[in-house]
């Protein structure tokens, strides 16, 4: 089972546009971020806990405590402002 992780803006430049991650039961957005941080230096720098990032789960903004269902699409992106 797997989920698709998409990156946008500066994250996309650092990590590429998309990757597939093995899904485990009871995986939350926060735990996924921790898993990704452990993937190596590029992930650790781009997704560092001190950075303000937004998460979307199946194209809906979500908090880090949200459970990820199998086959889901997760997106990480920096906060944006309109004008």
C-alpha atoms as a PDB file:
ATOM      1  CA  UNK A   1       0.000   0.000   0.000  1.00  0.00           C
ATOM      2  CA  UNK A   2       1.275   3.472  -0.744  1.00  0.00           C
ATOM      3  CA  UNK A   3       0.549   7.173  -0.761  1.00  0.00           C
ATOM      4  CA  UNK A   4       1.666   9.885  -3.155  1.00  0.00           C
ATOM      5  CA  UNK A   5       3.560  12.862  -1.734  1.00  0.00           C
ATOM      6  CA  UNK A   6       3.722  16.053  -3.806  1.00  0.00           C
ATOM      7  CA  UNK A   7       5.970  19.035  -3.176  1.00  0.00           C
ATOM      8  CA  UNK A   8       5.424  22.623  -4.278  1.00  0.00           C
ATOM      9  CA  UNK A   9       7.450  25.833  -4.610  1.00  0.00           C
ATOM     10  CA  UNK A  10      10.875  25.691  -2.909  1.00  0.00           C
ATOM     11  CA  UNK A  11      10.211  22.137  -1.684  1.00  0.00           C
ATOM     12  CA  UNK A  12       9.762  21.006  -5.272  1.00  0.00           C
ATOM     13  CA  UNK A  13      13.102  22.547  -6.200  1.00  0.00           C
ATOM     14  CA  UNK A  14      14.831  20.703  -3.343  1.00  0.00           C
ATOM     15  CA  UNK A  15      13.054  17.324  -3.476  1.00  0.00           C
ATOM     16  CA  UNK A  16      11.442  17.019  -6.896  1.00  0.00           C
ATOM     17  CA  UNK A  17       7.750  17.108  -7.743  1.00  0.00           C
ATOM     18  CA  UNK A  18       6.515  13.786  -6.368  1.00  0.00           C
ATOM     19  CA  UNK A  19       7.464  10.590  -4.574  1.00  0.00           C
ATOM     20  CA  UNK A  20       5.676   7.454  -3.421  1.00  0.00           C
ATOM     21  CA  UNK A  21       5.836   6.394   0.214  1.00  0.00           C
ATOM     22  CA  UNK A  22       4.930   3.029   1.737  1.00  0.00           C
ATOM     23  CA  UNK A  23       1.816   3.485   3.839  1.00  0.00           C
ATOM     24  CA  UNK A  24       1.453   2.099   7.334  1.00  0.00           C
ATOM     25  CA  UNK A  25      -1.759   1.936   9.298  1.00  0.00           C
ATOM     26  CA  UNK A  26      -2.391   4.886  11.635  1.00  0.00           C
ATOM     27  CA  UNK A  27       0.029   7.126   9.726  1.00  0.00           C
ATOM     28  CA  UNK A  28      -0.645  10.809  10.400  1.00  0.00           C
ATOM     29  CA  UNK A  29       0.675  13.788   8.474  1.00  0.00           C
ATOM     30  CA  UNK A  30       3.054  14.520  11.348  1.00  0.00           C
ATOM     31  CA  UNK A  31       4.425  10.969  11.385  1.00  0.00           C
ATOM     32  CA  UNK A  32       4.789  11.070   7.607  1.00  0.00           C
ATOM     33  CA  UNK A  33       6.809  14.278   7.898  1.00  0.00           C
ATOM     34  CA  UNK A  34       9.042  12.565  10.481  1.00  0.00           C
ATOM     35  CA  UNK A  35       9.510   9.582   8.133  1.00  0.00           C
ATOM     36  CA  UNK A  36      10.446  11.907   5.307  1.00  0.00           C
ATOM     37  CA  UNK A  37      12.895  13.844   7.508  1.00  0.00           C
ATOM     38  CA  UNK A  38      14.768  10.578   8.068  1.00  0.00           C
ATOM     39  CA  UNK A  39      15.231  10.004   4.323  1.00  0.00           C
ATOM     40  CA  UNK A  40      18.383  12.075   4.132  1.00  0.00           C
ATOM     41  CA  UNK A  41      19.961  15.474   4.143  1.00  0.00           C
ATOM     42  CA  UNK A  42      17.825  17.026   1.384  1.00  0.00           C
ATOM     43  CA  UNK A  43      14.580  15.986   3.083  1.00  0.00           C
ATOM     44  CA  UNK A  44      15.861  17.036   6.508  1.00  0.00           C
ATOM     45  CA  UNK A  45      16.733  20.509   5.233  1.00  0.00           C
ATOM     46  CA  UNK A  46      13.561  21.048   3.210  1.00  0.00           C
ATOM     47  CA  UNK A  47      11.072  19.665   5.747  1.00  0.00           C
ATOM     48  CA  UNK A  48      12.806  20.700   9.002  1.00  0.00           C
ATOM     49  CA  UNK A  49      10.497  21.053  11.994  1.00  0.00           C
ATOM     50  CA  UNK A  50      11.494  24.704  12.439  1.00  0.00           C
ATOM     51  CA  UNK A  51      10.127  25.569   8.997  1.00  0.00           C
ATOM     52  CA  UNK A  52       6.572  26.717   8.568  1.00  0.00           C
ATOM     53  CA  UNK A  53       4.949  24.329   6.083  1.00  0.00           C
ATOM     54  CA  UNK A  54       1.370  23.642   5.113  1.00  0.00           C
ATOM     55  CA  UNK A  55      -0.045  20.179   4.463  1.00  0.00           C
ATOM     56  CA  UNK A  56      -2.907  19.077   2.278  1.00  0.00           C
ATOM     57  CA  UNK A  57      -4.553  15.661   2.350  1.00  0.00           C
ATOM     58  CA  UNK A  58      -6.467  14.733  -0.801  1.00  0.00           C
ATOM     59  CA  UNK A  59      -6.440  18.405  -1.851  1.00  0.00           C
ATOM     60  CA  UNK A  60      -7.835  19.696   1.462  1.00  0.00           C
ATOM     61  CA  UNK A  61      -5.745  21.646   3.973  1.00  0.00           C
ATOM     62  CA  UNK A  62      -5.125  19.450   7.005  1.00  0.00           C
ATOM     63  CA  UNK A  63      -3.381  19.483  10.371  1.00  0.00           C
ATOM     64  CA  UNK A  64      -0.479  17.182  11.241  1.00  0.00           C
ATOM     65  CA  UNK A  65      -2.728  14.978  13.385  1.00  0.00           C
ATOM     66  CA  UNK A  66      -4.885  13.961  10.398  1.00  0.00           C
ATOM     67  CA  UNK A  67      -4.841  10.223   9.603  1.00  0.00           C
ATOM     68  CA  UNK A  68      -3.748   9.334   6.081  1.00  0.00           C
ATOM     69  CA  UNK A  69      -5.844   6.709   4.288  1.00  0.00           C
ATOM     70  CA  UNK A  70      -4.275   4.228   1.888  1.00  0.00           C
ATOM     71  CA  UNK A  71      -3.905   5.622  -1.616  1.00  0.00           C
ATOM     72  CA  UNK A  72      -4.080   9.223  -0.418  1.00  0.00           C
ATOM     73  CA  UNK A  73      -2.360  12.201  -1.978  1.00  0.00           C
ATOM     74  CA  UNK A  74      -0.414  14.398   0.430  1.00  0.00           C
ATOM     75  CA  UNK A  75       1.053  17.776  -0.480  1.00  0.00           C
ATOM     76  CA  UNK A  76       3.606  19.868   1.374  1.00  0.00           C
ATOM     77  CA  UNK A  77       4.104  23.525   0.522  1.00  0.00           C
ATOM     78  CA  UNK A  78       5.288  26.749   2.136  1.00  0.00           C
ATOM     79  CA  UNK A  79       2.641  29.197   3.381  1.00  0.00           C
ATOM     80  CA  UNK A  80       1.438  31.524   0.659  1.00  0.00           C
ATOM     81  CA  UNK A  81      -0.132  34.950   0.678  1.00  0.00           C
ATOM     82  CA  UNK A  82      -2.382  36.463  -1.924  1.00  0.00           C
ATOM     83  CA  UNK A  83      -2.490  39.985  -3.071  1.00  0.00           C
END
